[in-house]
Amino acid sequence: MPKYSDQVREVSDTTGAGASIHLTGAVPPWGSFATAFATGDQIEYAIADGIANSETAWGVYDAVAKTLTRNTIKSTNGNAPINLSGNSQVYCDLSARTLSGLEAVRHALAGGL
């Protein structure tokens, strides 16, 4: 299960559509991923790169390398990793697909129909 934290947002200098995202520092007034997560934590995140490019995914955080892997992606690029420009923002995010799954669990625990 992914971990979440409020008020976490960083800049990324990654270019291209590679397997991981390099994080370069918090976007004020938000905190960094390092303040909220540890190496090996699975995190649900989103990337905004310009107006038309976005991606939500689950990734594994590496505090030493300051990277997030890019896994289980939903994106504006046909659900493949978006092509990053070197000036994107990455933030912790709870996606609609996760909320839908939580709602299904809540419904089942309440006895379902």
PDB file of N, CA and C in Angstrom:
ATOM      1  N   MET A   1       0.841  -1.176   0.000  1.00  0.00           N
ATOM      2  CA  MET A   1       0.000   0.000   0.000  1.00  0.00           C
ATOM      3  C   MET A   1       0.890   1.244   0.000  1.00  0.00           C
ATOM      4  N   PRO A   2       0.616   2.187  -0.875  1.00  0.00           N
ATOM      5  CA  PRO A   2       1.443   3.393  -0.934  1.00  0.00           C
ATOM      6  C   PRO A   2       1.305   4.250   0.326  1.00  0.00           C
ATOM      7  N   LYS A   3       2.314   5.055   0.565  1.00  0.00           N
ATOM      8  CA  LYS A   3       2.291   6.019   1.657  1.00  0.00           C
ATOM      9  C   LYS A   3       1.961   7.391   1.082  1.00  0.00           C
ATOM     10  N   TYR A   4       1.402   8.247   1.942  1.00  0.00           N
ATOM     11  CA  TYR A   4       0.988   9.584   1.530  1.00  0.00           C
ATOM     12  C   TYR A   4       1.462  10.604   2.543  1.00  0.00           C
ATOM     13  N   SER A   5       1.589  11.841   2.098  1.00  0.00           N
ATOM     14  CA  SER A   5       1.896  12.941   2.987  1.00  0.00           C
ATOM     15  C   SER A   5       1.365  14.225   2.372  1.00  0.00           C
ATOM     16  N   ASP A   6       0.806  15.062   3.211  1.00  0.00           N
ATOM     17  CA  ASP A   6       0.337  16.365   2.740  1.00  0.00           C
ATOM     18  C   ASP A   6       1.516  17.312   2.544  1.00  0.00           C
ATOM     19  N   GLN A   7       1.337  18.260   1.661  1.00  0.00           N
ATOM     20  CA  GLN A   7       2.273  19.368   1.495  1.00  0.00           C
ATOM     21  C   GLN A   7       3.684  18.940   1.106  1.00  0.00           C
ATOM     22  N   VAL A   8       3.785  17.977   0.182  1.00  0.00           N
ATOM     23  CA  VAL A   8       5.079  17.529  -0.343  1.00  0.00           C
ATOM     24  C   VAL A   8       5.101  17.816  -1.840  1.00  0.00           C
ATOM     25  N   ARG A   9       6.060  18.635  -2.268  1.00  0.00           N
ATOM     26  CA  ARG A   9       6.186  18.971  -3.690  1.00  0.00           C
ATOM     27  C   ARG A   9       7.632  19.339  -3.979  1.00  0.00           C
ATOM     28  N   GLU A  10       8.188  18.710  -5.036  1.00  0.00           N
ATOM     29  CA  GLU A  10       9.574  18.991  -5.416  1.00  0.00           C
ATOM     30  C   GLU A  10       9.691  19.243  -6.910  1.00  0.00           C
ATOM     31  N   VAL A  11      10.762  19.913  -7.263  1.00  0.00           N
ATOM     32  CA  VAL A  11      11.127  20.128  -8.660  1.00  0.00           C
ATOM     33  C   VAL A  11      11.932  18.913  -9.111  1.00  0.00           C
ATOM     34  N   SER A  12      11.801  18.568 -10.393  1.00  0.00           N
ATOM     35  CA  SER A  12      12.617  17.505 -10.970  1.00  0.00           C
ATOM     36  C   SER A  12      13.365  18.041 -12.187  1.00  0.00           C
ATOM     37  N   ASP A  13      14.636  17.669 -12.290  1.00  0.00           N
ATOM     38  CA  ASP A  13      15.441  18.055 -13.451  1.00  0.00           C
ATOM     39  C   ASP A  13      15.532  16.932 -14.483  1.00  0.00           C
ATOM     40  N   THR A  14      14.715  15.890 -14.311  1.00  0.00           N
ATOM     41  CA  THR A  14      14.731  14.746 -15.225  1.00  0.00           C
ATOM     42  C   THR A  14      14.222  15.148 -16.605  1.00  0.00           C
ATOM     43  N   THR A  15      14.891  14.655 -17.634  1.00  0.00           N
ATOM     44  CA  THR A  15      14.426  14.827 -19.009  1.00  0.00           C
ATOM     45  C   THR A  15      14.127  13.455 -19.592  1.00  0.00           C
ATOM     46  N   GLY A  16      13.161  13.425 -20.515  1.00  0.00           N
ATOM     47  CA  GLY A  16      12.821  12.171 -21.171  1.00  0.00           C
ATOM     48  C   GLY A  16      11.780  11.373 -20.406  1.00  0.00           C
ATOM     49  N   ALA A  17      11.611  10.119 -20.824  1.00  0.00           N
ATOM     50  CA  ALA A  17      10.577   9.248 -20.271  1.00  0.00           C
ATOM     51  C   ALA A  17      11.189   8.025 -19.597  1.00  0.00           C
ATOM     52  N   GLY A  18      12.291   8.228 -18.892  1.00  0.00           N
ATOM     53  CA  GLY A  18      12.997   7.127 -18.254  1.00  0.00           C
ATOM     54  C   GLY A  18      12.244   6.499 -17.096  1.00  0.00           C
ATOM     55  N   ALA A  19      12.876   5.519 -16.478  1.00  0.00           N
ATOM     56  CA  ALA A  19      12.245   4.714 -15.435  1.00  0.00           C
ATOM     57  C   ALA A  19      12.205   5.382 -14.074  1.00  0.00           C
ATOM     58  N   SER A  20      12.972   6.453 -13.875  1.00  0.00           N
ATOM     59  CA  SER A  20      12.950   7.122 -12.573  1.00  0.00           C
ATOM     60  C   SER A  20      13.005   8.636 -12.740  1.00  0.00           C
ATOM     61  N   ILE A  21      12.628   9.306 -11.652  1.00  0.00           N
ATOM     62  CA  ILE A  21      12.565  10.767 -11.616  1.00  0.00           C
ATOM     63  C   ILE A  21      13.558  11.245 -10.565  1.00  0.00           C
ATOM     64  N   HIS A  22      14.423  12.181 -10.925  1.00  0.00           N
ATOM     65  CA  HIS A  22      15.369  12.761  -9.968  1.00  0.00           C
ATOM     66  C   HIS A  22      14.740  14.017  -9.362  1.00  0.00           C
ATOM     67  N   LEU A  23      14.723  14.078  -8.032  1.00  0.00           N
ATOM     68  CA  LEU A  23      14.136  15.208  -7.316  1.00  0.00           C
ATOM     69  C   LEU A  23      15.242  16.154  -6.865  1.00  0.00           C
ATOM     70  N   THR A  24      15.040  17.466  -7.075  1.00  0.00           N
ATOM     71  CA  THR A  24      16.113  18.423  -6.791  1.00  0.00           C
ATOM     72  C   THR A  24      15.836  19.387  -5.654  1.00  0.00           C
ATOM     73  N   GLY A  25      14.660  19.336  -5.059  1.00  0.00           N
ATOM     74  CA  GLY A  25      14.398  20.215  -3.916  1.00  0.00           C
ATOM     75  C   GLY A  25      12.948  20.645  -3.840  1.00  0.00           C
ATOM     76  N   ALA A  26      12.552  20.998  -2.642  1.00  0.00           N
ATOM     77  CA  ALA A  26      11.167  21.373  -2.371  1.00  0.00           C
ATOM     78  C   ALA A  26      10.785  22.669  -3.075  1.00  0.00           C
ATOM     79  N   VAL A  27       9.506  22.762  -3.421  1.00  0.00           N
ATOM     80  CA  VAL A  27       8.922  23.986  -3.969  1.00  0.00           C
ATOM     81  C   VAL A  27       8.302  24.725  -2.784  1.00  0.00           C
ATOM     82  N   PRO A  28       8.864  25.871  -2.366  1.00  0.00           N
ATOM     83  CA  PRO A  28       8.307  26.578  -1.208  1.00  0.00           C
ATOM     84  C   PRO A  28       6.841  26.946  -1.438  1.00  0.00           C
ATOM     85  N   PRO A  29       6.008  26.820  -0.466  1.00  0.00           N
ATOM     86  CA  PRO A  29       6.261  26.523   0.955  1.00  0.00           C
ATOM     87  C   PRO A  29       6.145  25.046   1.301  1.00  0.00           C
ATOM     88  N   TRP A  30       6.071  24.164   0.313  1.00  0.00           N
ATOM     89  CA  TRP A  30       5.924  22.729   0.570  1.00  0.00           C
ATOM     90  C   TRP A  30       7.230  22.104   1.069  1.00  0.00           C
ATOM     91  N   GLY A  31       7.120  20.895   1.598  1.00  0.00           N
ATOM     92  CA  GLY A  31       8.282  20.149   2.057  1.00  0.00           C
ATOM     93  C   GLY A  31       8.796  19.207   0.984  1.00  0.00           C
ATOM     94  N   SER A  32       9.933  18.600   1.264  1.00  0.00           N
ATOM     95  CA  SER A  32      10.538  17.657   0.321  1.00  0.00           C
ATOM     96  C   SER A  32      10.058  16.237   0.615  1.00  0.00           C
ATOM     97  N   PHE A  33      10.271  15.349  -0.339  1.00  0.00           N
ATOM     98  CA  PHE A  33       9.955  13.947  -0.135  1.00  0.00           C
ATOM     99  C   PHE A  33      10.791  13.375   1.017  1.00  0.00           C
ATOM    100  N   ALA A  34      12.024  13.859   1.169  1.00  0.00           N
ATOM    101  CA  ALA A  34      12.907  13.362   2.232  1.00  0.00           C
ATOM    102  C   ALA A  34      12.363  13.656   3.622  1.00  0.00           C
ATOM    103  N   THR A  35      11.587  14.720   3.780  1.00  0.00           N
ATOM    104  CA  THR A  35      11.020  15.039   5.093  1.00  0.00           C
ATOM    105  C   THR A  35       9.846  14.134   5.439  1.00  0.00           C
ATOM    106  N   ALA A  36       9.273  13.452   4.454  1.00  0.00           N
ATOM    107  CA  ALA A  36       8.063  12.655   4.677  1.00  0.00           C
ATOM    108  C   ALA A  36       8.246  11.157   4.458  1.00  0.00           C
ATOM    109  N   PHE A  37       9.271  10.762   3.706  1.00  0.00           N
ATOM    110  CA  PHE A  37       9.403   9.369   3.305  1.00  0.00           C
ATOM    111  C   PHE A  37      10.824   8.855   3.511  1.00  0.00           C
ATOM    112  N   ALA A  38      10.949   7.520   3.536  1.00  0.00           N
ATOM    113  CA  ALA A  38      12.250   6.861   3.676  1.00  0.00           C
ATOM    114  C   ALA A  38      12.514   5.988   2.454  1.00  0.00           C
ATOM    115  N   THR A  39      13.756   5.631   2.254  1.00  0.00           N
ATOM    116  CA  THR A  39      14.113   4.732   1.156  1.00  0.00           C
ATOM    117  C   THR A  39      13.273   3.459   1.229  1.00  0.00           C
ATOM    118  N   GLY A  40      12.733   3.081   0.084  1.00  0.00           N
ATOM    119  CA  GLY A  40      11.912   1.876  -0.013  1.00  0.00           C
ATOM    120  C   GLY A  40      10.421   2.130   0.133  1.00  0.00           C
ATOM    121  N   ASP A  41      10.039   3.330   0.567  1.00  0.00           N
ATOM    122  CA  ASP A  41       8.607   3.640   0.674  1.00  0.00           C
ATOM    123  C   ASP A  41       7.977   3.690  -0.708  1.00  0.00           C
ATOM    124  N   GLN A  42       6.803   3.061  -0.832  1.00  0.00           N
ATOM    125  CA  GLN A  42       6.026   3.160  -2.059  1.00  0.00           C
ATOM    126  C   GLN A  42       5.120   4.376  -1.904  1.00  0.00           C
ATOM    127  N   ILE A  43       5.143   5.254  -2.900  1.00  0.00           N
ATOM    128  CA  ILE A  43       4.439   6.531  -2.827  1.00  0.00           C
ATOM    129  C   ILE A  43       3.562   6.687  -4.055  1.00  0.00           C
ATOM    130  N   GLU A  44       2.361   7.182  -3.858  1.00  0.00           N
ATOM    131  CA  GLU A  44       1.524   7.557  -4.997  1.00  0.00           C
ATOM    132  C   GLU A  44       1.804   9.035  -5.256  1.00  0.00           C
ATOM    133  N   TYR A  45       2.156   9.345  -6.502  1.00  0.00           N
ATOM    134  CA  TYR A  45       2.571  10.710  -6.822  1.00  0.00           C
ATOM    135  C   TYR A  45       1.977  11.156  -8.151  1.00  0.00           C
ATOM    136  N   ALA A  46       2.122  12.433  -8.400  1.00  0.00           N
ATOM    137  CA  ALA A  46       1.737  13.014  -9.690  1.00  0.00           C
ATOM    138  C   ALA A  46       2.874  13.905 -10.166  1.00  0.00           C
ATOM    139  N   ILE A  47       2.952  14.052 -11.502  1.00  0.00           N
ATOM    140  CA  ILE A  47       3.932  14.948 -12.117  1.00  0.00           C
ATOM    141  C   ILE A  47       3.173  15.928 -12.997  1.00  0.00           C
ATOM    142  N   ALA A  48       3.502  17.190 -12.871  1.00  0.00           N
ATOM    143  CA  ALA A  48       2.982  18.215 -13.772  1.00  0.00           C
ATOM    144  C   ALA A  48       4.171  18.791 -14.532  1.00  0.00           C
ATOM    145  N   ASP A  49       4.103  18.720 -15.858  1.00  0.00           N
ATOM    146  CA  ASP A  49       5.177  19.250 -16.696  1.00  0.00           C
ATOM    147  C   ASP A  49       4.522  20.095 -17.777  1.00  0.00           C
ATOM    148  N   GLY A  50       4.448  21.381 -17.535  1.00  0.00           N
ATOM    149  CA  GLY A  50       3.736  22.263 -18.453  1.00  0.00           C
ATOM    150  C   GLY A  50       2.236  22.112 -18.283  1.00  0.00           C
ATOM    151  N   ILE A  51       1.494  22.622 -19.226  1.00  0.00           N
ATOM    152  CA  ILE A  51       0.036  22.615 -19.144  1.00  0.00           C
ATOM    153  C   ILE A  51      -0.554  21.284 -19.601  1.00  0.00           C
ATOM    154  N   ALA A  52       0.011  20.669 -20.624  1.00  0.00           N
ATOM    155  CA  ALA A  52      -0.621  19.506 -21.246  1.00  0.00           C
ATOM    156  C   ALA A  52      -0.045  18.155 -20.834  1.00  0.00           C
ATOM    157  N   ASN A  53       1.058  18.119 -20.098  1.00  0.00           N
ATOM    158  CA  ASN A  53       1.689  16.848 -19.745  1.00  0.00           C
ATOM    159  C   ASN A  53       1.534  16.557 -18.256  1.00  0.00           C
ATOM    160  N   SER A  54       0.888  15.432 -17.953  1.00  0.00           N
ATOM    161  CA  SER A  54       0.761  15.031 -16.552  1.00  0.00           C
ATOM    162  C   SER A  54       0.740  13.519 -16.443  1.00  0.00           C
ATOM    163  N   GLU A  55       1.060  13.073 -15.236  1.00  0.00           N
ATOM    164  CA  GLU A  55       1.176  11.640 -14.979  1.00  0.00           C
ATOM    165  C   GLU A  55       0.872  11.399 -13.508  1.00  0.00           C
ATOM    166  N   THR A  56       0.129  10.336 -13.219  1.00  0.00           N
ATOM    167  CA  THR A  56      -0.007   9.851 -11.846  1.00  0.00           C
ATOM    168  C   THR A  56       0.520   8.427 -11.834  1.00  0.00           C
ATOM    169  N   ALA A  57       1.152   8.053 -10.739  1.00  0.00           N
ATOM    170  CA  ALA A  57       1.761   6.729 -10.683  1.00  0.00           C
ATOM    171  C   ALA A  57       2.087   6.359  -9.251  1.00  0.00           C
ATOM    172  N   TRP A  58       2.520   5.108  -9.084  1.00  0.00           N
ATOM    173  CA  TRP A  58       3.099   4.648  -7.839  1.00  0.00           C
ATOM    174  C   TRP A  58       4.584   4.474  -8.106  1.00  0.00           C
ATOM    175  N   GLY A  59       5.388   4.901  -7.167  1.00  0.00           N
ATOM    176  CA  GLY A  59       6.820   4.735  -7.312  1.00  0.00           C
ATOM    177  C   GLY A  59       7.467   4.392  -5.993  1.00  0.00           C
ATOM    178  N   VAL A  60       8.695   3.929  -6.057  1.00  0.00           N
ATOM    179  CA  VAL A  60       9.465   3.621  -4.865  1.00  0.00           C
ATOM    180  C   VAL A  60      10.511   4.717  -4.696  1.00  0.00           C
ATOM    181  N   TYR A  61      10.563   5.276  -3.490  1.00  0.00           N
ATOM    182  CA  TYR A  61      11.448   6.393  -3.190  1.00  0.00           C
ATOM    183  C   TYR A  61      12.817   5.900  -2.752  1.00  0.00           C
ATOM    184  N   ASP A  62      13.860   6.574  -3.226  1.00  0.00           N
ATOM    185  CA  ASP A  62      15.236   6.330  -2.802  1.00  0.00           C
ATOM    186  C   ASP A  62      15.763   7.642  -2.221  1.00  0.00           C
ATOM    187  N   ALA A  63      15.899   7.714  -0.893  1.00  0.00           N
ATOM    188  CA  ALA A  63      16.307   8.953  -0.226  1.00  0.00           C
ATOM    189  C   ALA A  63      17.754   9.325  -0.529  1.00  0.00           C
ATOM    190  N   VAL A  64      18.609   8.324  -0.767  1.00  0.00           N
ATOM    191  CA  VAL A  64      20.019   8.603  -1.046  1.00  0.00           C
ATOM    192  C   VAL A  64      20.179   9.200  -2.439  1.00  0.00           C
ATOM    193  N   ALA A  65      19.586   8.556  -3.436  1.00  0.00           N
ATOM    194  CA  ALA A  65      19.695   9.033  -4.816  1.00  0.00           C
ATOM    195  C   ALA A  65      18.707  10.163  -5.126  1.00  0.00           C
ATOM    196  N   LYS A  66      17.742  10.399  -4.219  1.00  0.00           N
ATOM    197  CA  LYS A  66      16.678  11.393  -4.404  1.00  0.00           C
ATOM    198  C   LYS A  66      15.899  11.107  -5.688  1.00  0.00           C
ATOM    199  N   THR A  67      15.436   9.846  -5.812  1.00  0.00           N
ATOM    200  CA  THR A  67      14.684   9.443  -6.998  1.00  0.00           C
ATOM    201  C   THR A  67      13.400   8.726  -6.619  1.00  0.00           C
ATOM    202  N   LEU A  68      12.471   8.736  -7.561  1.00  0.00           N
ATOM    203  CA  LEU A  68      11.243   7.955  -7.502  1.00  0.00           C
ATOM    204  C   LEU A  68      11.186   7.116  -8.769  1.00  0.00           C
ATOM    205  N   THR A  69      10.873   5.826  -8.635  1.00  0.00           N
ATOM    206  CA  THR A  69      10.649   5.018  -9.834  1.00  0.00           C
ATOM    207  C   THR A  69       9.277   5.376 -10.399  1.00  0.00           C
ATOM    208  N   ARG A  70       9.062   5.034 -11.645  1.00  0.00           N
ATOM    209  CA  ARG A  70       7.784   5.323 -12.311  1.00  0.00           C
ATOM    210  C   ARG A  70       7.104   4.001 -12.645  1.00  0.00           C
ATOM    211  N   ASN A  71       6.048   3.647 -11.866  1.00  0.00           N
ATOM    212  CA  ASN A  71       5.338   2.383 -12.035  1.00  0.00           C
ATOM    213  C   ASN A  71       3.835   2.622 -12.056  1.00  0.00           C
ATOM    214  N   THR A  72       3.097   1.724 -12.693  1.00  0.00           N
ATOM    215  CA  THR A  72       1.625   1.736 -12.704  1.00  0.00           C
ATOM    216  C   THR A  72       1.116   3.127 -13.085  1.00  0.00           C
ATOM    217  N   ILE A  73       1.453   3.553 -14.263  1.00  0.00           N
ATOM    218  CA  ILE A  73       1.244   4.939 -14.703  1.00  0.00           C
ATOM    219  C   ILE A  73      -0.095   5.149 -15.393  1.00  0.00           C
ATOM    220  N   LYS A  74      -0.714   6.266 -15.087  1.00  0.00           N
ATOM    221  CA  LYS A  74      -1.839   6.836 -15.843  1.00  0.00           C
ATOM    222  C   LYS A  74      -1.333   8.202 -16.300  1.00  0.00           C
ATOM    223  N   SER A  75      -1.458   8.496 -17.596  1.00  0.00           N
ATOM    224  CA  SER A  75      -0.870   9.754 -18.063  1.00  0.00           C
ATOM    225  C   SER A  75      -1.586  10.305 -19.288  1.00  0.00           C
ATOM    226  N   THR A  76      -1.181  11.513 -19.643  1.00  0.00           N
ATOM    227  CA  THR A  76      -1.655  12.143 -20.867  1.00  0.00           C
ATOM    228  C   THR A  76      -0.902  11.613 -22.083  1.00  0.00           C
ATOM    229  N   ASN A  77      -0.023  10.657 -21.869  1.00  0.00           N
ATOM    230  CA  ASN A  77       0.765  10.035 -22.935  1.00  0.00           C
ATOM    231  C   ASN A  77       0.330   8.583 -23.121  1.00  0.00           C
ATOM    232  N   GLY A  78      -0.974   8.352 -23.188  1.00  0.00           N
ATOM    233  CA  GLY A  78      -1.484   7.000 -23.393  1.00  0.00           C
ATOM    234  C   GLY A  78      -1.123   6.043 -22.272  1.00  0.00           C
ATOM    235  N   ASN A  79      -1.046   6.558 -21.062  1.00  0.00           N
ATOM    236  CA  ASN A  79      -0.696   5.792 -19.863  1.00  0.00           C
ATOM    237  C   ASN A  79       0.723   5.252 -19.875  1.00  0.00           C
ATOM    238  N   ALA A  80       1.578   5.892 -20.664  1.00  0.00           N
ATOM    239  CA  ALA A  80       3.021   5.632 -20.635  1.00  0.00           C
ATOM    240  C   ALA A  80       3.677   6.827 -19.932  1.00  0.00           C
ATOM    241  N   PRO A  81       4.921   6.695 -19.491  1.00  0.00           N
ATOM    242  CA  PRO A  81       5.586   7.841 -18.868  1.00  0.00           C
ATOM    243  C   PRO A  81       5.591   9.055 -19.809  1.00  0.00           C
ATOM    244  N   ILE A  82       5.324  10.222 -19.251  1.00  0.00           N
ATOM    245  CA  ILE A  82       5.384  11.430 -20.073  1.00  0.00           C
ATOM    246  C   ILE A  82       6.844  11.791 -20.325  1.00  0.00           C
ATOM    247  N   ASN A  83       7.085  12.532 -21.383  1.00  0.00           N
ATOM    248  CA  ASN A  83       8.416  12.995 -21.725  1.00  0.00           C
ATOM    249  C   ASN A  83       8.686  14.267 -20.929  1.00  0.00           C
ATOM    250  N   LEU A  84       9.551  14.175 -19.928  1.00  0.00           N
ATOM    251  CA  LEU A  84       9.813  15.299 -19.031  1.00  0.00           C
ATOM    252  C   LEU A  84      10.788  16.297 -19.644  1.00  0.00           C
ATOM    253  N   SER A  85      10.548  17.569 -19.348  1.00  0.00           N
ATOM    254  CA  SER A  85      11.323  18.652 -19.944  1.00  0.00           C
ATOM    255  C   SER A  85      12.554  19.059 -19.144  1.00  0.00           C
ATOM    256  N   GLY A  86      12.684  18.571 -17.906  1.00  0.00           N
ATOM    257  CA  GLY A  86      13.778  19.014 -17.040  1.00  0.00           C
ATOM    258  C   GLY A  86      13.328  20.088 -16.074  1.00  0.00           C
ATOM    259  N   ASN A  87      12.052  20.460 -16.134  1.00  0.00           N
ATOM    260  CA  ASN A  87      11.504  21.486 -15.237  1.00  0.00           C
ATOM    261  C   ASN A  87      10.072  21.115 -14.860  1.00  0.00           C
ATOM    262  N   SER A  88       9.913  19.966 -14.213  1.00  0.00           N
ATOM    263  CA  SER A  88       8.586  19.518 -13.811  1.00  0.00           C
ATOM    264  C   SER A  88       8.464  19.582 -12.294  1.00  0.00           C
ATOM    265  N   GLN A  89       7.230  19.428 -11.814  1.00  0.00           N
ATOM    266  CA  GLN A  89       6.987  19.367 -10.384  1.00  0.00           C
ATOM    267  C   GLN A  89       6.348  18.028 -10.047  1.00  0.00           C
ATOM    268  N   VAL A  90       6.826  17.415  -8.973  1.00  0.00           N
ATOM    269  CA  VAL A  90       6.369  16.105  -8.530  1.00  0.00           C
ATOM    270  C   VAL A  90       5.790  16.280  -7.134  1.00  0.00           C
ATOM    271  N   TYR A  91       4.606  15.710  -6.910  1.00  0.00           N
ATOM    272  CA  TYR A  91       3.980  15.874  -5.597  1.00  0.00           C
ATOM    273  C   TYR A  91       3.230  14.616  -5.203  1.00  0.00           C
ATOM    274  N   CYS A  92       3.068  14.447  -3.912  1.00  0.00           N
ATOM    275  CA  CYS A  92       2.320  13.318  -3.374  1.00  0.00           C
ATOM    276  C   CYS A  92       0.853  13.546  -3.710  1.00  0.00           C
ATOM    277  N   ASP A  93       0.173  12.483  -4.193  1.00  0.00           N
ATOM    278  CA  ASP A  93      -1.195  12.642  -4.674  1.00  0.00           C
ATOM    279  C   ASP A  93      -1.993  11.371  -4.425  1.00  0.00           C
ATOM    280  N   LEU A  94      -3.256  11.527  -4.117  1.00  0.00           N
ATOM    281  CA  LEU A  94      -4.190  10.408  -3.980  1.00  0.00           C
ATOM    282  C   LEU A  94      -5.052  10.405  -5.234  1.00  0.00           C
ATOM    283  N   SER A  95      -4.925   9.368  -6.053  1.00  0.00           N
ATOM    284  CA  SER A  95      -5.610   9.334  -7.342  1.00  0.00           C
ATOM    285  C   SER A  95      -7.048   8.843  -7.226  1.00  0.00           C
ATOM    286  N   ALA A  96      -7.819   9.095  -8.264  1.00  0.00           N
ATOM    287  CA  ALA A  96      -9.200   8.617  -8.330  1.00  0.00           C
ATOM    288  C   ALA A  96      -9.249   7.096  -8.301  1.00  0.00           C
ATOM    289  N   ARG A  97      -8.292   6.415  -8.934  1.00  0.00           N
ATOM    290  CA  ARG A  97      -8.313   4.950  -8.924  1.00  0.00           C
ATOM    291  C   ARG A  97      -8.110   4.407  -7.515  1.00  0.00           C
ATOM    292  N   THR A  98      -7.297   5.074  -6.703  1.00  0.00           N
ATOM    293  CA  THR A  98      -7.118   4.641  -5.323  1.00  0.00           C
ATOM    294  C   THR A  98      -8.381   4.918  -4.515  1.00  0.00           C
ATOM    295  N   LEU A  99      -8.965   6.091  -4.713  1.00  0.00           N
ATOM    296  CA  LEU A  99     -10.208   6.416  -4.008  1.00  0.00           C
ATOM    297  C   LEU A  99     -11.313   5.432  -4.356  1.00  0.00           C
ATOM    298  N   SER A 100     -11.403   5.038  -5.619  1.00  0.00           N
ATOM    299  CA  SER A 100     -12.414   4.057  -6.034  1.00  0.00           C
ATOM    300  C   SER A 100     -12.199   2.726  -5.327  1.00  0.00           C
ATOM    301  N   GLY A 101     -10.951   2.314  -5.226  1.00  0.00           N
ATOM    302  CA  GLY A 101     -10.640   1.065  -4.536  1.00  0.00           C
ATOM    303  C   GLY A 101     -10.980   1.135  -3.057  1.00  0.00           C
ATOM    304  N   LEU A 102     -10.700   2.273  -2.437  1.00  0.00           N
ATOM    305  CA  LEU A 102     -11.031   2.442  -1.026  1.00  0.00           C
ATOM    306  C   LEU A 102     -12.542   2.437  -0.809  1.00  0.00           C
ATOM    307  N   GLU A 103     -13.280   3.023  -1.733  1.00  0.00           N
ATOM    308  CA  GLU A 103     -14.732   3.037  -1.630  1.00  0.00           C
ATOM    309  C   GLU A 103     -15.292   1.622  -1.748  1.00  0.00           C
ATOM    310  N   ALA A 104     -14.725   0.810  -2.631  1.00  0.00           N
ATOM    311  CA  ALA A 104     -15.177  -0.577  -2.784  1.00  0.00           C
ATOM    312  C   ALA A 104     -14.922  -1.368  -1.505  1.00  0.00           C
ATOM    313  N   VAL A 105     -13.777  -1.150  -0.875  1.00  0.00           N
ATOM    314  CA  VAL A 105     -13.464  -1.830   0.381  1.00  0.00           C
ATOM    315  C   VAL A 105     -14.431  -1.382   1.474  1.00  0.00           C
ATOM    316  N   ARG A 106     -14.662  -0.082   1.563  1.00  0.00           N
ATOM    317  CA  ARG A 106     -15.589   0.443   2.568  1.00  0.00           C
ATOM    318  C   ARG A 106     -16.980  -0.156   2.384  1.00  0.00           C
ATOM    319  N   HIS A 107     -17.413  -0.249   1.145  1.00  0.00           N
ATOM    320  CA  HIS A 107     -18.728  -0.818   0.830  1.00  0.00           C
ATOM    321  C   HIS A 107     -18.795  -2.287   1.263  1.00  0.00           C
ATOM    322  N   ALA A 108     -17.755  -3.048   0.953  1.00  0.00           N
ATOM    323  CA  ALA A 108     -17.736  -4.463   1.318  1.00  0.00           C
ATOM    324  C   ALA A 108     -17.739  -4.641   2.833  1.00  0.00           C
ATOM    325  N   LEU A 109     -16.962  -3.802   3.542  1.00  0.00           N
ATOM    326  CA  LEU A 109     -16.917  -3.894   4.994  1.00  0.00           C
ATOM    327  C   LEU A 109     -18.251  -3.534   5.642  1.00  0.00           C
ATOM    328  N   ALA A 110     -19.026  -2.706   4.959  1.00  0.00           N
ATOM    329  CA  ALA A 110     -20.335  -2.313   5.478  1.00  0.00           C
ATOM    330  C   ALA A 110     -21.419  -3.337   5.140  1.00  0.00           C
ATOM    331  N   GLY A 111     -21.050  -4.430   4.504  1.00  0.00           N
ATOM    332  CA  GLY A 111     -22.015  -5.475   4.199  1.00  0.00           C
ATOM    333  C   GLY A 111     -22.417  -5.552   2.739  1.00  0.00           C
ATOM    334  N   GLY A 112     -22.003  -4.551   1.958  1.00  0.00           N
ATOM    335  CA  GLY A 112     -22.311  -4.563   0.526  1.00  0.00           C
ATOM    336  C   GLY A 112     -23.793  -4.681   0.249  1.00  0.00           C
ATOM    337  N   LEU A 113     -24.124  -4.865  -0.997  1.00  0.00           N
ATOM    338  CA  LEU A 113     -25.528  -5.066  -1.386  1.00  0.00           C
ATOM    339  C   LEU A 113     -25.654  -6.304  -2.217  1.00  0.00           C
TER     340      LEU A 113
END
